[in-house]
């Protein structure tokens, strides 16, 4: 699925994921933005339908007007014309106080309740792979009202029954588990975007639920690329492909192909 054809012509998977993510973001919301695709998607949303979206960066920038795509959350451009230039401490405190509406996270592995692992694959003492770890991911997943996960490689190695390490809490063991652990009520995982589709979480069971299939993807593709059963309710719509306007803006945002590729 590296190259697709839709109403907007040929487009790449990265373009599709950016557009799908951007459309989820509402105007007048605070978004905790990470490096790469989340940053690109948030910039696209701001240029299209959410001009008053407030980007929040881990290094301390709040509400900048990004002149171009930063290479990281610590890039000086994340402070360009910002409302506030502060510290990581204040950013994490703002999330804990409930001021951040959306957070974007990546994940190496996720279970049916949206718990994610970005720490180790395999045994802790002798891991097969040692990953970057939490960084601010635990804070985001614990305190942002809605957390969006972006996982480009959904498979039976990434959608797993049991995590090797729980880095960031989703709905833990199911309904009520977050609250029992002392986390705020009403927050948690909101959407999961992969190369195959878009997922949410069933309100009653807190299990992963398919909301949309990307063009060219079948229900069988989704189920066979997961260790656990994914809930499917009724007719599942297809994700809208990138429009010509969205593709032009994405090229303006990322002219070097840092996120979108060449």
Protein backbone atom coordinates (compact mmCIF):
# COMPACT_ATOMS: atom_id res chain seq x y z
CA UNK A 1 0.00 0.00 0.00
CA UNK A 2 2.90 2.39 -0.62
CA UNK A 3 1.09 3.95 -3.59
CA UNK A 4 -2.68 4.23 -4.01
CA UNK A 5 -5.09 5.81 -6.46
CA UNK A 6 -8.17 7.74 -5.31
CA UNK A 7 -10.28 10.75 -6.21
CA UNK A 8 -7.22 12.94 -5.67
CA UNK A 9 -5.04 10.87 -8.00
CA UNK A 10 -1.99 8.90 -6.87
CA UNK A 11 -1.02 9.35 -3.23
CA UNK A 12 1.30 7.69 -0.79
CA UNK A 13 0.53 5.90 2.46
CA UNK A 14 2.22 8.70 4.41
CA UNK A 15 -0.04 11.28 2.74
CA UNK A 16 -3.14 9.22 3.52
CA UNK A 17 -2.20 8.79 7.18
CA UNK A 18 -1.43 12.49 7.56
CA UNK A 19 -4.79 13.48 6.06
CA UNK A 20 -6.75 10.95 8.13
CA UNK A 21 -5.06 12.21 11.31
CA UNK A 22 -5.49 15.90 10.42
CA UNK A 23 -9.23 15.51 9.89
CA UNK A 24 -9.64 14.26 13.47
CA UNK A 25 -8.38 17.50 14.98
CA UNK A 26 -10.87 20.24 15.82
CA UNK A 27 -10.38 23.98 15.92
CA UNK A 28 -9.75 25.74 19.24
CA UNK A 29 -8.09 22.67 20.76
CA UNK A 30 -4.69 22.14 22.37
CA UNK A 31 -2.67 19.35 20.74
CA UNK A 32 0.49 17.82 22.22
CA UNK A 33 2.49 17.30 19.04
CA UNK A 34 5.27 14.79 18.43
CA UNK A 35 7.96 14.66 15.76
CA UNK A 36 7.21 13.43 12.25
CA UNK A 37 3.75 12.49 11.07
CA UNK A 38 1.86 13.99 14.06
CA UNK A 39 3.55 17.34 13.48
CA UNK A 40 2.82 17.23 9.75
CA UNK A 41 -0.82 16.29 10.33
CA UNK A 42 -1.35 19.06 12.88
CA UNK A 43 0.17 21.66 10.56
CA UNK A 44 -2.16 20.44 7.81
CA UNK A 45 -5.19 20.74 10.10
CA UNK A 46 -4.17 24.28 11.06
CA UNK A 47 -3.88 25.34 7.42
CA UNK A 48 -7.17 23.75 6.37
CA UNK A 49 -9.96 23.68 8.93
CA UNK A 50 -8.48 24.45 12.37
CA UNK A 51 -6.70 27.83 12.19
CA UNK A 52 -6.93 28.33 15.96
CA UNK A 53 -5.50 24.97 16.94
CA UNK A 54 -2.82 25.39 19.61
CA UNK A 55 0.26 23.21 19.20
CA UNK A 56 2.08 22.23 22.38
CA UNK A 57 5.64 20.88 22.21
CA UNK A 58 7.48 18.81 24.81
CA UNK A 59 10.49 21.15 24.81
CA UNK A 60 8.33 24.08 25.93
CA UNK A 61 6.80 25.83 22.92
CA UNK A 62 3.09 26.65 23.23
CA UNK A 63 1.04 28.03 20.36
CA UNK A 64 3.75 28.73 17.76
CA UNK A 65 3.06 29.56 14.11
CA UNK A 66 5.44 27.13 12.46
CA UNK A 67 7.23 28.71 9.48
CA UNK A 68 8.26 25.26 8.20
CA UNK A 69 8.35 21.66 9.37
CA UNK A 70 10.62 21.26 12.44
CA UNK A 71 12.95 18.27 12.59
CA UNK A 72 12.09 17.60 16.24
CA UNK A 73 10.07 18.86 19.19
CA UNK A 74 13.18 20.74 20.37
CA UNK A 75 13.77 22.55 17.07
CA UNK A 76 13.89 26.35 17.50
CA UNK A 77 10.99 26.64 15.04
CA UNK A 78 8.66 25.17 17.67
CA UNK A 79 9.02 28.51 19.49
CA UNK A 80 8.47 30.72 16.41
CA UNK A 81 5.89 33.41 17.31
CA UNK A 82 4.79 31.21 20.20
CA UNK A 83 2.36 32.37 22.85
CA UNK A 84 4.67 30.95 25.52
CA UNK A 85 8.25 29.71 25.62
CA UNK A 86 8.48 27.60 28.74
CA UNK A 87 9.92 24.28 29.96
CA UNK A 88 9.15 20.58 29.77
CA UNK A 89 8.08 20.71 33.43
CA UNK A 90 5.35 23.23 32.65
CA UNK A 91 4.20 21.28 29.58
CA UNK A 92 3.79 18.05 31.53
CA UNK A 93 2.12 19.94 34.37
CA UNK A 94 -0.37 21.42 31.88
CA UNK A 95 -1.24 17.90 30.69
CA UNK A 96 -1.69 16.73 34.28
CA UNK A 97 -3.93 19.72 34.99
CA UNK A 98 -6.19 18.76 32.07
CA UNK A 99 -5.30 21.55 29.64
CA UNK A 100 -4.27 19.32 26.70
CA UNK A 101 -7.09 18.03 24.51
CA UNK A 102 -5.21 15.74 22.11
CA UNK A 103 -1.95 13.83 22.25
CA UNK A 104 -0.22 11.96 19.41
CA UNK A 105 1.80 8.81 20.14
CA UNK A 106 3.57 6.09 18.20
CA UNK A 107 3.85 2.50 19.45
CA UNK A 108 5.91 -0.61 18.81
CA UNK A 109 3.12 -2.85 20.10
CA UNK A 110 -0.44 -2.44 21.40
CA UNK A 111 -3.00 -4.73 23.02
CA UNK A 112 -6.78 -4.83 22.67
CA UNK A 113 -7.30 -2.18 25.38
CA UNK A 114 -4.90 0.33 23.83
CA UNK A 115 -2.03 -0.25 26.25
CA UNK A 116 1.23 0.36 24.38
CA UNK A 117 4.85 -0.75 24.55
CA UNK A 118 7.74 1.44 23.43
CA UNK A 119 10.34 0.01 25.83
CA UNK A 120 11.50 -3.55 25.05
CA UNK A 121 10.57 -6.51 22.87
CA UNK A 122 11.25 -9.76 24.70
CA UNK A 123 12.46 -10.31 28.24
CA UNK A 124 13.44 -7.16 30.16
CA UNK A 125 16.83 -8.56 31.24
CA UNK A 126 17.68 -10.01 27.83
CA UNK A 127 15.48 -8.21 25.29
CA UNK A 128 15.39 -9.02 21.61
CA UNK A 129 15.04 -5.30 20.90
CA UNK A 130 15.51 -2.34 23.20
CA UNK A 131 13.28 0.55 22.17
CA UNK A 132 13.46 4.31 22.94
CA UNK A 133 11.30 4.04 26.06
CA UNK A 134 8.61 6.34 27.38
CA UNK A 135 9.94 9.87 27.13
CA UNK A 136 6.74 11.86 27.62
CA UNK A 137 4.49 9.09 26.30
CA UNK A 138 3.28 7.94 29.71
CA UNK A 139 2.31 11.52 30.63
CA UNK A 140 0.44 11.98 27.35
CA UNK A 141 -1.38 8.66 27.56
CA UNK A 142 -2.24 9.25 31.20
CA UNK A 143 -3.47 12.84 31.07
CA UNK A 144 -4.41 14.07 27.58
CA UNK A 145 -8.17 13.85 27.13
CA UNK A 146 -7.91 12.08 23.78
CA UNK A 147 -4.83 10.17 22.66
CA UNK A 148 -4.30 9.27 19.00
CA UNK A 149 -1.89 6.46 18.11
CA UNK A 150 -0.18 6.26 14.74
CA UNK A 151 1.21 2.82 13.85
CA UNK A 152 2.32 2.34 10.26
CA UNK A 153 2.95 -1.40 10.53
CA UNK A 154 -0.07 -3.23 11.88
CA UNK A 155 0.69 -6.96 12.09
CA UNK A 156 0.53 -9.87 14.51
CA UNK A 157 3.83 -8.56 15.92
CA UNK A 158 2.38 -5.14 16.74
CA UNK A 159 -1.29 -5.91 17.61
CA UNK A 160 -0.62 -8.42 20.38
CA UNK A 161 -2.50 -10.29 23.10
CA UNK A 162 0.14 -9.60 25.75
CA UNK A 163 2.66 -6.78 25.88
CA UNK A 164 6.26 -7.52 26.82
CA UNK A 165 6.29 -4.20 28.69
CA UNK A 166 3.53 -1.69 29.43
CA UNK A 167 5.04 1.73 28.73
CA UNK A 168 1.86 3.80 28.44
CA UNK A 169 -1.58 2.96 29.83
CA UNK A 170 -4.56 2.56 27.59
CA UNK A 171 -7.69 1.20 29.23
CA UNK A 172 -5.48 -1.22 31.21
CA UNK A 173 -7.67 -4.30 31.91
CA UNK A 174 -10.92 -2.80 30.63
CA UNK A 175 -13.78 -0.64 31.94
CA UNK A 176 -12.95 1.23 35.15
CA UNK A 177 -9.30 0.15 35.22
CA UNK A 178 -7.85 3.59 34.51
CA UNK A 179 -9.87 5.18 37.28
CA UNK A 180 -8.91 2.42 39.72
CA UNK A 181 -5.26 3.16 38.91
CA UNK A 182 -5.80 6.82 39.86
CA UNK A 183 -6.03 8.28 36.35
CA UNK A 184 -8.63 10.94 35.51
CA UNK A 185 -12.06 9.81 34.42
CA UNK A 186 -13.06 10.48 30.83
CA UNK A 187 -9.63 10.41 29.20
CA UNK A 188 -7.64 7.75 27.38
CA UNK A 189 -7.03 6.29 23.92
CA UNK A 190 -9.28 7.81 21.27
CA UNK A 191 -8.17 6.65 17.81
CA UNK A 192 -5.58 4.32 16.30
CA UNK A 193 -4.43 4.89 12.72
CA UNK A 194 -2.52 2.16 10.89
CA UNK A 195 -1.71 1.36 7.26
CA UNK A 196 -4.92 -0.69 7.18
CA UNK A 197 -7.57 1.46 8.82
CA UNK A 198 -8.84 3.63 11.64
CA UNK A 199 -9.89 2.25 15.02
CA UNK A 200 -11.64 3.51 18.13
CA UNK A 201 -12.56 1.89 21.42
CA UNK A 202 -15.96 0.43 22.25
CA UNK A 203 -17.59 2.52 24.97
CA UNK A 204 -18.86 -0.46 26.99
CA UNK A 205 -15.96 -2.93 26.78
CA UNK A 206 -13.07 -0.53 25.96
CA UNK A 207 -11.87 -3.05 23.34
CA UNK A 208 -10.44 -1.96 20.00
CA UNK A 209 -13.11 -1.40 17.34
CA UNK A 210 -12.72 -0.90 13.58
CA UNK A 211 -14.16 2.43 12.39
CA UNK A 212 -12.90 2.69 8.80
CA UNK A 213 -10.94 0.72 6.22
CA UNK A 214 -8.38 2.43 4.02
CA UNK A 215 -8.91 2.12 0.25
CA UNK A 216 -8.03 -1.35 -1.02
CA UNK A 217 -8.08 -2.98 2.45
CA UNK A 218 -10.45 -5.79 3.42
CA UNK A 219 -11.86 -6.92 6.76
CA UNK A 220 -9.77 -10.06 6.40
CA UNK A 221 -6.60 -7.95 6.10
CA UNK A 222 -7.46 -6.27 9.38
CA UNK A 223 -8.24 -9.44 11.33
CA UNK A 224 -5.30 -11.50 10.04
CA UNK A 225 -2.90 -8.72 11.01
CA UNK A 226 -3.85 -8.88 14.69
CA UNK A 227 -3.39 -11.49 17.42
CA UNK A 228 -6.65 -10.42 19.08
CA UNK A 229 -10.13 -10.15 17.59
CA UNK A 230 -11.04 -6.63 16.53
CA UNK A 231 -14.65 -5.55 17.06
CA UNK A 232 -16.59 -4.78 13.88
CA UNK A 233 -20.09 -3.31 14.04
CA UNK A 234 -22.19 -3.20 10.89
CA UNK A 235 -21.02 -1.65 7.63
CA UNK A 236 -17.53 -0.18 7.87
CA UNK A 237 -16.95 2.94 5.76
CA UNK A 238 -13.85 3.62 3.68
CA UNK A 239 -11.36 6.35 4.55
CA UNK A 240 -11.54 9.35 2.24
CA UNK A 241 -8.33 9.61 0.19
CA UNK A 242 -6.28 12.81 0.21
CA UNK A 243 -7.81 15.63 -1.81
CA UNK A 244 -5.76 17.63 -4.34
CA UNK A 245 -5.78 20.60 -1.93
CA UNK A 246 -4.50 18.46 0.96
CA UNK A 247 -1.72 17.01 -1.19
CA UNK A 248 -0.57 20.47 -2.32
CA UNK A 249 -0.48 21.71 1.27
CA UNK A 250 1.42 18.63 2.43
CA UNK A 251 4.08 19.26 -0.18
CA UNK A 252 4.34 22.86 1.02
CA UNK A 253 4.64 21.70 4.63
CA UNK A 254 7.24 19.00 3.87
CA UNK A 255 9.00 20.00 0.61
CA UNK A 256 12.10 17.90 1.37
CA UNK A 257 10.14 14.72 2.05
CA UNK A 258 11.36 14.41 5.63
CA UNK A 259 8.09 12.75 6.67
CA UNK A 260 6.27 12.14 3.39
CA UNK A 261 9.24 10.69 1.52
CA UNK A 262 10.19 11.45 -2.05
